[in-house]
């Protein structure tokens, strides 16, 4: 069936090569011949994030993948591996739209970065995620394309509005604007060469140069935050506009731009970085407080109530460019940063001073290449994930630092799970707030592996993250039951 994607069970690490797009394997190979899709993705990543270098070798990634594959049956409660026609640079969970007794029906947002033979797209997919094991077997999520939005340019970043996750914001490669889409009212489009772009519901203006990656939405109110090559951080409110998104009526203050869309100006523009702003994050408790990181190696905290300059600036948060930042939704004092120096730093803003002095309370070292994304878990306040160009997604628990188990003496402090199912840059991942401990992750594949991209939806075995004494008790009971059954005639 067109648009469907095959999924693996817990006992399988790979699927037959069926794709979320419409191209056959032969067409895909023809497009990849000489096009260098994967290498072009890496080239774009290098151009956009200056001074980043691949510090891993493909053979190392393949070796880790081979080792990982043999352990899949015992590491995961569920895992789905799906091949994509095109590289995917961003993925996000969307709203739940149906909830039967055993399955969770949920939207999934993906991007398609094409070679120009067809338009770039924002894909809205349906994901049927199994909430529990049926008949003792773990079933995998099933993904099917639901809607295609033809995007004006490559989609580098997707962010959903938490209080209304059918509304998403996107960043593109060659534009200073943030585009707002109502994914339910947008028409489904057939992405063929020459097809006109879909019309965004809102266009947020305010940057003076291209804004490619830094993008965030506030958890409880419709505020949007962005950073760009103009070294600025820009804040918008779309409170007055989301109720009319997707209609032809205009709210006061909106103007039509040359593409026919409606434009909204910023609430504030904030200056303090000396190079490209690579990522931004809101303080979970206040839309007026936020932070940003950039290629100037700085972490800056802002307070819109006190002006447009930095409220606090850490001049050298890492030894290289900063690529990502996330603010702990459970503890407003904790901020994560990831960098081209291959590390993740944890900052406590109570330890920062007004003169910009501040050291991280811990440095997590477990990647062999640039860290591209960091995200706190919605399920436990001390847990977070980090993905990198080494193809790994590491899951950390800050509470385990200093409590290193004798059984894992070779592991970096705090690292308790490593997902090695991707064989190239782990460009993005997202925790699912509706399905505990469930993650969607995407990577771009090397040309030698067929180009395109890889989508995986997975949940580690609960024996890994549950309290150790609880797990040991359960395993001991299971052991007793096995021996009891085996001793019966």
Protein backbone atom coordinates (compact mmCIF):
# COMPACT_ATOMS: atom_id res chain seq x y z
CA UNK A 1 0.00 0.00 0.00
CA UNK A 2 1.38 3.41 -0.93
CA UNK A 3 2.63 5.52 1.93
CA UNK A 4 2.92 2.63 4.37
CA UNK A 5 6.11 1.76 6.18
CA UNK A 6 7.12 -1.71 7.29
CA UNK A 7 8.07 -2.19 10.94
CA UNK A 8 10.20 -4.67 12.83
CA UNK A 9 9.21 -6.75 15.82
CA UNK A 10 11.33 -7.04 18.91
CA UNK A 11 13.06 -10.07 17.40
CA UNK A 12 14.10 -8.30 14.20
CA UNK A 13 16.58 -5.48 13.83
CA UNK A 14 15.76 -4.59 10.22
CA UNK A 15 12.75 -4.55 7.91
CA UNK A 16 12.21 -5.21 4.23
CA UNK A 17 13.00 -2.03 2.35
CA UNK A 18 9.65 -0.37 2.02
CA UNK A 19 9.50 3.40 2.23
CA UNK A 20 7.44 6.26 3.49
CA UNK A 21 7.70 7.86 0.04
CA UNK A 22 6.39 6.62 -3.31
CA UNK A 23 9.62 5.82 -5.14
CA UNK A 24 10.70 2.30 -6.01
CA UNK A 25 14.08 0.93 -5.03
CA UNK A 26 15.30 1.25 -8.63
CA UNK A 27 14.20 4.89 -8.87
CA UNK A 28 15.87 5.60 -5.54
CA UNK A 29 19.15 4.04 -6.67
CA UNK A 30 19.03 6.04 -9.89
CA UNK A 31 18.54 9.30 -7.99
CA UNK A 32 21.36 8.46 -5.61
CA UNK A 33 23.78 7.61 -8.42
CA UNK A 34 26.17 10.54 -8.40
CA UNK A 35 23.89 12.73 -6.31
CA UNK A 36 25.60 12.00 -2.99
CA UNK A 37 22.52 12.57 -0.86
CA UNK A 38 24.14 11.48 2.35
CA UNK A 39 27.37 13.32 1.72
CA UNK A 40 25.41 16.42 0.73
CA UNK A 41 23.60 16.23 4.04
CA UNK A 42 26.88 16.02 5.92
CA UNK A 43 28.24 18.88 3.81
CA UNK A 44 25.23 21.04 4.72
CA UNK A 45 25.66 20.14 8.36
CA UNK A 46 29.33 21.14 8.18
CA UNK A 47 28.55 24.42 6.42
CA UNK A 48 25.82 25.36 8.86
CA UNK A 49 27.74 24.45 11.98
CA UNK A 50 31.21 25.88 11.50
CA UNK A 51 34.34 24.09 12.61
CA UNK A 52 32.49 20.78 13.14
CA UNK A 53 34.47 17.74 12.07
CA UNK A 54 33.56 14.09 11.80
CA UNK A 55 35.55 12.43 14.57
CA UNK A 56 34.27 8.92 13.96
CA UNK A 57 34.94 6.44 11.21
CA UNK A 58 32.13 4.65 9.35
CA UNK A 59 33.65 1.29 10.30
CA UNK A 60 33.33 2.19 13.98
CA UNK A 61 29.65 3.02 13.51
CA UNK A 62 29.09 -0.23 11.64
CA UNK A 63 30.84 -2.23 14.35
CA UNK A 64 28.68 -0.66 17.05
CA UNK A 65 25.61 -1.34 14.92
CA UNK A 66 26.55 -5.01 14.48
CA UNK A 67 27.03 -5.44 18.21
CA UNK A 68 23.79 -3.60 18.92
CA UNK A 69 21.81 -5.73 16.47
CA UNK A 70 22.63 -8.94 18.33
CA UNK A 71 21.30 -7.43 21.57
CA UNK A 72 18.01 -6.04 20.23
CA UNK A 73 15.80 -8.85 21.69
CA UNK A 74 16.92 -8.13 25.25
CA UNK A 75 17.39 -4.34 25.09
CA UNK A 76 13.95 -3.22 23.90
CA UNK A 77 10.31 -3.68 24.76
CA UNK A 78 9.50 -2.47 21.25
CA UNK A 79 11.45 -1.18 18.24
CA UNK A 80 10.55 -0.20 14.70
CA UNK A 81 13.13 0.43 11.97
CA UNK A 82 11.89 2.17 8.84
CA UNK A 83 13.73 3.28 5.73
CA UNK A 84 12.90 6.65 4.19
CA UNK A 85 13.28 7.78 0.60
CA UNK A 86 14.93 11.06 1.59
CA UNK A 87 17.11 12.25 4.47
CA UNK A 88 15.06 13.50 7.41
CA UNK A 89 16.47 16.37 9.48
CA UNK A 90 13.76 16.70 12.13
CA UNK A 91 11.07 14.59 13.79
CA UNK A 92 8.39 15.41 16.37
CA UNK A 93 5.47 13.67 18.00
CA UNK A 94 2.08 15.26 17.31
CA UNK A 95 -1.35 15.00 18.92
CA UNK A 96 -3.22 11.85 19.79
CA UNK A 97 -6.22 11.35 17.51
CA UNK A 98 -7.62 8.00 18.62
CA UNK A 99 -7.18 5.83 21.69
CA UNK A 100 -8.41 2.23 21.53
CA UNK A 101 -7.87 0.00 24.55
CA UNK A 102 -4.49 -1.39 23.48
CA UNK A 103 -3.15 1.09 20.92
CA UNK A 104 -2.27 4.77 20.82
CA UNK A 105 -3.08 6.52 17.53
CA UNK A 106 -0.82 9.55 17.24
CA UNK A 107 0.44 12.00 14.64
CA UNK A 108 4.13 12.10 13.75
CA UNK A 109 5.85 15.01 11.97
CA UNK A 110 8.80 14.34 9.65
CA UNK A 111 10.77 16.19 6.99
CA UNK A 112 11.90 15.15 3.52
CA UNK A 113 15.11 16.77 2.28
CA UNK A 114 15.12 16.02 -1.45
CA UNK A 115 17.68 16.49 -4.23
CA UNK A 116 15.44 18.90 -6.17
CA UNK A 117 13.81 16.29 -8.41
CA UNK A 118 10.68 16.71 -6.24
CA UNK A 119 9.82 19.43 -3.72
CA UNK A 120 10.93 19.39 -0.10
CA UNK A 121 8.08 18.44 2.19
CA UNK A 122 6.74 18.46 5.72
CA UNK A 123 5.15 15.03 6.25
CA UNK A 124 2.29 14.36 8.66
CA UNK A 125 2.14 10.64 9.42
CA UNK A 126 -0.10 8.44 11.54
CA UNK A 127 1.68 6.28 14.09
CA UNK A 128 -0.14 3.37 15.70
CA UNK A 129 1.87 2.68 18.84
CA UNK A 130 1.08 -0.40 20.92
CA UNK A 131 0.67 0.50 24.57
CA UNK A 132 1.24 -2.98 25.99
CA UNK A 133 2.50 -6.35 24.97
CA UNK A 134 -0.13 -8.60 23.41
CA UNK A 135 -0.05 -12.39 23.96
CA UNK A 136 3.39 -12.07 25.49
CA UNK A 137 4.97 -10.54 22.40
CA UNK A 138 6.11 -6.98 21.83
CA UNK A 139 4.48 -5.35 18.82
CA UNK A 140 6.05 -2.50 16.91
CA UNK A 141 4.55 0.88 15.99
CA UNK A 142 3.17 1.15 12.48
CA UNK A 143 3.65 4.39 10.52
CA UNK A 144 1.61 5.51 7.52
CA UNK A 145 1.82 8.78 5.64
CA UNK A 146 -1.31 10.85 6.24
CA UNK A 147 -0.61 14.21 4.62
CA UNK A 148 2.10 15.97 2.62
CA UNK A 149 2.75 19.72 2.89
CA UNK A 150 5.01 21.13 0.16
CA UNK A 151 7.50 23.25 2.04
CA UNK A 152 9.27 26.31 0.58
CA UNK A 153 12.83 25.06 1.03
CA UNK A 154 14.43 22.36 3.15
CA UNK A 155 12.90 21.88 6.61
CA UNK A 156 15.69 21.97 9.19
CA UNK A 157 13.62 22.08 12.34
CA UNK A 158 10.05 21.31 13.41
CA UNK A 159 8.53 22.38 16.71
CA UNK A 160 4.95 21.75 17.79
CA UNK A 161 2.84 24.04 19.99
CA UNK A 162 2.49 21.93 23.17
CA UNK A 163 -0.96 23.20 24.07
CA UNK A 164 -2.22 22.64 20.53
CA UNK A 165 0.20 20.28 18.81
CA UNK A 166 -1.59 20.32 15.46
CA UNK A 167 0.07 23.76 15.10
CA UNK A 168 3.75 23.47 14.15
CA UNK A 169 6.55 25.91 13.39
CA UNK A 170 9.32 25.22 10.87
CA UNK A 171 12.73 26.64 10.04
CA UNK A 172 14.06 26.42 6.51
CA UNK A 173 17.58 26.67 5.10
CA UNK A 174 17.41 29.87 3.07
CA UNK A 175 14.96 32.14 4.86
CA UNK A 176 14.92 34.46 7.87
CA UNK A 177 11.26 33.65 8.56
CA UNK A 178 9.55 31.14 10.84
CA UNK A 179 6.59 29.43 9.17
CA UNK A 180 3.49 28.41 11.13
CA UNK A 181 1.30 25.55 9.87
CA UNK A 182 -2.06 24.21 10.99
CA UNK A 183 -1.44 20.60 9.99
CA UNK A 184 -5.11 19.61 10.19
CA UNK A 185 -6.48 22.32 7.90
CA UNK A 186 -3.59 22.30 5.44
CA UNK A 187 -4.57 20.43 2.25
CA UNK A 188 -2.82 17.20 1.33
CA UNK A 189 -0.51 17.86 -1.62
CA UNK A 190 1.08 15.64 -4.26
CA UNK A 191 4.80 16.46 -4.23
CA UNK A 192 5.76 16.50 -7.92
CA UNK A 193 8.33 18.63 -9.70
CA UNK A 194 6.92 22.09 -10.40
CA UNK A 195 4.12 21.89 -7.83
CA UNK A 196 3.58 25.23 -6.04
CA UNK A 197 4.48 25.51 -2.37
CA UNK A 198 1.83 25.08 0.28
CA UNK A 199 0.78 28.36 1.86
CA UNK A 200 1.78 28.73 5.53
CA UNK A 201 -0.94 29.90 7.88
CA UNK A 202 1.36 32.49 9.44
CA UNK A 203 4.81 33.90 8.68
CA UNK A 204 6.83 35.23 11.61
CA UNK A 205 9.22 38.00 10.58
CA UNK A 206 11.98 39.77 12.49
CA UNK A 207 15.30 38.14 11.61
CA UNK A 208 17.66 40.08 9.34
CA UNK A 209 19.47 36.97 8.07
CA UNK A 210 18.67 33.30 7.60
CA UNK A 211 17.42 31.41 10.65
CA UNK A 212 18.02 27.69 10.23
CA UNK A 213 17.96 25.70 13.46
CA UNK A 214 17.20 27.59 16.68
CA UNK A 215 13.46 27.22 17.33
CA UNK A 216 11.27 26.68 20.42
CA UNK A 217 7.68 26.97 21.58
CA UNK A 218 6.54 27.74 25.11
CA UNK A 219 4.77 24.86 26.93
CA UNK A 220 1.59 26.59 28.08
CA UNK A 221 1.14 29.74 25.97
CA UNK A 222 1.51 30.35 22.21
CA UNK A 223 4.94 32.02 22.28
CA UNK A 224 7.58 31.24 19.65
CA UNK A 225 11.34 31.75 20.00
CA UNK A 226 13.99 31.71 17.28
CA UNK A 227 17.68 32.39 16.66
CA UNK A 228 19.60 32.93 13.45
CA UNK A 229 22.69 33.96 11.53
CA UNK A 230 21.99 37.61 12.39
CA UNK A 231 23.22 36.74 15.93
CA UNK A 232 19.85 37.68 17.40
CA UNK A 233 17.11 35.92 19.36
CA UNK A 234 13.55 36.83 18.36
CA UNK A 235 10.35 36.35 20.37
CA UNK A 236 6.78 36.27 19.00
CA UNK A 237 3.30 35.76 20.42
CA UNK A 238 0.74 34.11 18.16
CA UNK A 239 -2.06 34.26 20.73
CA UNK A 240 -4.21 36.49 18.52
CA UNK A 241 -3.59 34.45 15.41
CA UNK A 242 -3.81 30.73 16.07
CA UNK A 243 -7.61 30.83 16.37
CA UNK A 244 -7.82 32.16 12.82
CA UNK A 245 -4.98 30.07 11.34
CA UNK A 246 -6.10 28.30 8.22
CA UNK A 247 -8.82 30.86 7.43
CA UNK A 248 -8.84 33.78 5.05
CA UNK A 249 -9.63 36.37 7.72
CA UNK A 250 -6.86 38.53 9.13
CA UNK A 251 -6.38 39.62 12.71
CA UNK A 252 -5.45 43.19 13.57
CA UNK A 253 -1.76 43.85 13.02
CA UNK A 254 -1.34 41.17 10.37
CA UNK A 255 -0.21 42.06 6.89
CA UNK A 256 -0.12 40.02 3.71
CA UNK A 257 3.32 39.33 2.29
CA UNK A 258 4.30 38.77 -1.32
CA UNK A 259 3.46 35.06 -1.17
CA UNK A 260 -0.07 35.74 0.06
CA UNK A 261 0.59 34.56 3.60
CA UNK A 262 -0.02 36.60 6.74
CA UNK A 263 2.98 38.09 8.51
CA UNK A 264 3.38 38.73 12.23
CA UNK A 265 6.09 40.95 13.71
CA UNK A 266 8.10 40.17 16.85
CA UNK A 267 7.43 41.00 20.48
CA UNK A 268 11.16 41.54 20.97
CA UNK A 269 14.57 41.17 19.34
CA UNK A 270 17.48 40.34 21.68
CA UNK A 271 21.16 40.97 21.00
CA UNK A 272 24.18 39.56 22.81
CA UNK A 273 25.67 36.76 20.72
CA UNK A 274 28.70 37.40 18.52
CA UNK A 275 28.03 34.56 16.08
CA UNK A 276 25.16 32.41 14.75
CA UNK A 277 22.55 31.39 17.33
CA UNK A 278 22.21 27.60 17.00
CA UNK A 279 19.49 26.75 19.55
CA UNK A 280 17.05 28.33 21.99
CA UNK A 281 14.86 27.14 24.87
CA UNK A 282 12.17 28.63 27.10
CA UNK A 283 12.24 28.50 30.87
CA UNK A 284 9.30 26.10 31.50
CA UNK A 285 7.69 28.41 34.03
CA UNK A 286 7.95 31.76 32.20
CA UNK A 287 7.56 32.82 28.57
CA UNK A 288 9.56 35.94 29.44
CA UNK A 289 12.66 33.93 30.39
CA UNK A 290 14.66 31.91 27.87
CA UNK A 291 18.18 30.87 26.93
CA UNK A 292 20.25 30.50 23.78
CA UNK A 293 23.54 29.00 22.60
CA UNK A 294 25.65 29.69 19.55
CA UNK A 295 28.83 29.38 17.54
CA UNK A 296 30.48 31.92 19.86
CA UNK A 297 30.62 29.19 22.57
CA UNK A 298 28.29 31.25 24.77
CA UNK A 299 25.27 30.28 26.82
CA UNK A 300 23.04 33.35 27.36
CA UNK A 301 20.05 33.68 29.68
CA UNK A 302 17.48 36.35 28.81
CA UNK A 303 14.63 38.06 30.66
CA UNK A 304 12.29 40.00 28.37
CA UNK A 305 10.99 42.00 31.34
CA UNK A 306 14.36 43.66 31.91
CA UNK A 307 15.30 44.67 28.36
CA UNK A 308 16.79 43.28 25.18
CA UNK A 309 20.28 42.56 26.50
CA UNK A 310 21.52 39.40 28.22
CA UNK A 311 20.40 38.82 31.78
CA UNK A 312 23.36 36.47 32.23
CA UNK A 313 26.09 35.34 29.82
CA UNK A 314 28.47 32.42 30.17
CA UNK A 315 31.33 33.39 27.85
CA UNK A 316 32.90 29.96 27.41
CA UNK A 317 30.29 27.35 28.17
CA UNK A 318 32.22 24.76 26.07
CA UNK A 319 35.57 24.53 24.30
CA UNK A 320 33.87 24.75 20.86
CA UNK A 321 30.66 25.83 19.14
CA UNK A 322 27.42 25.07 20.99
CA UNK A 323 24.77 23.29 18.94
CA UNK A 324 21.90 22.58 21.32
CA UNK A 325 20.29 23.52 24.62
CA UNK A 326 17.35 22.32 26.71
CA UNK A 327 15.79 23.59 29.94
CA UNK A 328 14.65 20.98 32.47
CA UNK A 329 10.81 20.94 32.56
CA UNK A 330 10.88 19.51 36.11
CA UNK A 331 13.52 21.80 37.62
CA UNK A 332 13.81 25.40 36.39
CA UNK A 333 17.41 25.65 37.57
CA UNK A 334 18.91 22.97 35.32
CA UNK A 335 20.02 23.62 31.73
CA UNK A 336 21.72 21.20 29.30
CA UNK A 337 24.06 22.21 26.49
CA UNK A 338 25.66 20.12 23.74
CA UNK A 339 28.71 21.07 21.71
CA UNK A 340 31.16 20.32 18.91
CA UNK A 341 33.62 19.38 21.66
CA UNK A 342 31.67 16.08 21.92
CA UNK A 343 30.40 16.76 25.44
CA UNK A 344 27.16 17.62 27.22
CA UNK A 345 27.32 20.14 30.07
CA UNK A 346 24.81 20.52 32.88
CA UNK A 347 24.46 24.04 34.30
CA UNK A 348 22.64 25.18 37.43
CA UNK A 349 21.66 28.80 36.93
CA UNK A 350 21.96 29.40 40.66
CA UNK A 351 25.72 28.86 40.21
CA UNK A 352 26.01 31.53 37.51
CA UNK A 353 26.99 35.10 38.40
CA UNK A 354 26.12 38.44 36.82
CA UNK A 355 29.65 38.86 35.44
CA UNK A 356 29.29 35.77 33.27
CA UNK A 357 31.29 33.42 35.47
CA UNK A 358 29.93 29.93 35.79
CA UNK A 359 31.13 26.38 35.51
CA UNK A 360 28.92 23.39 34.69
CA UNK A 361 28.00 21.22 37.64
CA UNK A 362 28.88 18.19 35.50
CA UNK A 363 30.40 17.36 32.12
CA UNK A 364 29.04 14.24 30.43
CA UNK A 365 31.60 12.55 28.18
CA UNK A 366 30.31 9.64 26.12
CA UNK A 367 30.20 10.76 22.50
CA UNK A 368 32.98 10.57 19.92
CA UNK A 369 31.68 13.39 17.70
CA UNK A 370 29.70 16.64 17.80
CA UNK A 371 26.56 16.58 19.92
CA UNK A 372 23.60 17.73 17.81
CA UNK A 373 20.62 17.44 20.16
CA UNK A 374 19.94 17.25 23.91
CA UNK A 375 16.51 16.72 25.47
CA UNK A 376 15.29 16.16 29.00
CA UNK A 377 12.99 13.19 29.51
CA UNK A 378 9.35 13.95 30.35
CA UNK A 379 9.22 10.79 32.49
CA UNK A 380 12.00 11.36 35.05
CA UNK A 381 13.50 14.69 36.10
CA UNK A 382 17.13 13.52 36.15
CA UNK A 383 17.08 11.65 32.80
CA UNK A 384 17.98 13.13 29.41
CA UNK A 385 19.08 12.03 25.96
CA UNK A 386 21.86 13.27 23.69
CA UNK A 387 22.39 12.45 20.02
CA UNK A 388 25.51 13.06 17.97
CA UNK A 389 27.37 12.67 14.70
CA UNK A 390 28.81 9.38 16.00
CA UNK A 391 25.41 7.78 15.26
CA UNK A 392 24.61 7.22 18.94
CA UNK A 393 21.73 8.31 21.13
CA UNK A 394 22.89 8.19 24.74
CA UNK A 395 20.44 8.11 27.65
CA UNK A 396 21.83 9.58 30.87
CA UNK A 397 20.66 9.82 34.47
CA UNK A 398 22.26 12.59 36.49
CA UNK A 399 21.20 10.89 39.71
CA UNK A 400 23.51 7.98 38.83
CA UNK A 401 26.60 10.17 38.71
CA UNK A 402 28.76 9.15 41.64
CA UNK A 403 26.77 5.91 42.06
CA UNK A 404 28.56 3.96 39.37
CA UNK A 405 27.74 0.26 39.43
CA UNK A 406 30.59 -2.24 39.68
CA UNK A 407 29.03 -4.07 36.75
CA UNK A 408 29.47 -1.08 34.42
CA UNK A 409 32.90 0.27 35.35
CA UNK A 410 33.79 1.05 31.72
CA UNK A 411 30.73 3.22 31.10
CA UNK A 412 30.87 7.01 31.47
CA UNK A 413 29.30 8.22 34.71
CA UNK A 414 25.55 8.67 34.35
CA UNK A 415 25.24 6.76 31.06
CA UNK A 416 22.80 3.85 31.44
CA UNK A 417 21.59 3.16 27.88
CA UNK A 418 23.05 3.59 24.42
CA UNK A 419 20.93 3.32 21.28
CA UNK A 420 23.18 2.34 18.35
CA UNK A 421 20.52 1.47 15.79
CA UNK A 422 21.43 4.29 13.41
CA UNK A 423 24.47 4.05 11.17
CA UNK A 424 25.05 7.75 10.55
CA UNK A 425 24.54 11.21 12.07
CA UNK A 426 21.81 11.10 14.71
CA UNK A 427 20.32 14.42 13.63
CA UNK A 428 17.20 14.53 15.81
CA UNK A 429 15.06 12.65 18.32
CA UNK A 430 12.00 13.34 20.45
CA UNK A 431 10.60 11.81 23.65
CA UNK A 432 6.91 10.92 23.52
CA UNK A 433 4.94 12.60 26.34
CA UNK A 434 1.98 10.27 25.73
CA UNK A 435 3.92 6.99 25.74
CA UNK A 436 6.38 6.76 28.65
CA UNK A 437 10.03 6.10 27.72
CA UNK A 438 9.22 5.99 24.00
CA UNK A 439 11.47 7.84 21.52
CA UNK A 440 11.40 8.60 17.80
CA UNK A 441 14.83 9.17 16.23
CA UNK A 442 16.03 9.95 12.70
CA UNK A 443 19.35 9.85 10.87
CA UNK A 444 20.70 10.42 7.40
CA UNK A 445 22.33 7.38 5.82
CA UNK A 446 25.69 7.28 4.10
CA UNK A 447 25.56 6.84 0.34
CA UNK A 448 27.10 3.41 0.73
CA UNK A 449 24.03 2.41 2.74
CA UNK A 450 21.61 3.64 0.06
CA UNK A 451 21.22 7.31 0.96
CA UNK A 452 17.78 8.33 2.14
CA UNK A 453 17.13 8.33 5.85
CA UNK A 454 16.22 6.06 8.73
CA UNK A 455 13.34 6.44 11.18
CA UNK A 456 13.24 4.42 14.38
CA UNK A 457 10.60 4.32 17.11
CA UNK A 458 11.69 2.48 20.23
CA UNK A 459 11.27 1.92 23.92
CA UNK A 460 14.03 0.34 25.98
CA UNK A 461 13.20 -2.60 28.23
CA UNK A 462 11.68 -1.44 31.49
CA UNK A 463 14.17 -3.68 33.30
CA UNK A 464 16.80 -1.07 32.38
CA UNK A 465 15.26 2.05 33.91
CA UNK A 466 13.21 0.68 36.78
CA UNK A 467 14.73 0.71 40.31
CA UNK A 468 17.41 -1.96 40.63
CA UNK A 469 16.00 -3.61 43.76
CA UNK A 470 12.58 -3.88 42.11
CA UNK A 471 14.05 -5.46 38.99
CA UNK A 472 16.18 -7.93 40.96
CA UNK A 473 13.15 -9.01 43.00
CA UNK A 474 11.13 -9.56 39.82
CA UNK A 475 13.93 -11.56 38.18
CA UNK A 476 14.35 -13.67 41.31
CA UNK A 477 10.62 -14.46 41.31
CA UNK A 478 10.81 -15.32 37.63
CA UNK A 479 13.79 -17.58 38.28
CA UNK A 480 11.85 -19.39 41.01
CA UNK A 481 8.88 -19.89 38.71
CA UNK A 482 11.09 -21.32 35.97
CA UNK A 483 12.74 -23.79 38.34
CA UNK A 484 9.36 -24.75 39.77
CA UNK A 485 7.95 -25.47 36.32
CA UNK A 486 11.02 -27.39 35.18
CA UNK A 487 10.95 -29.64 38.26
CA UNK A 488 7.38 -30.83 37.58
CA UNK A 489 7.09 -34.26 35.87
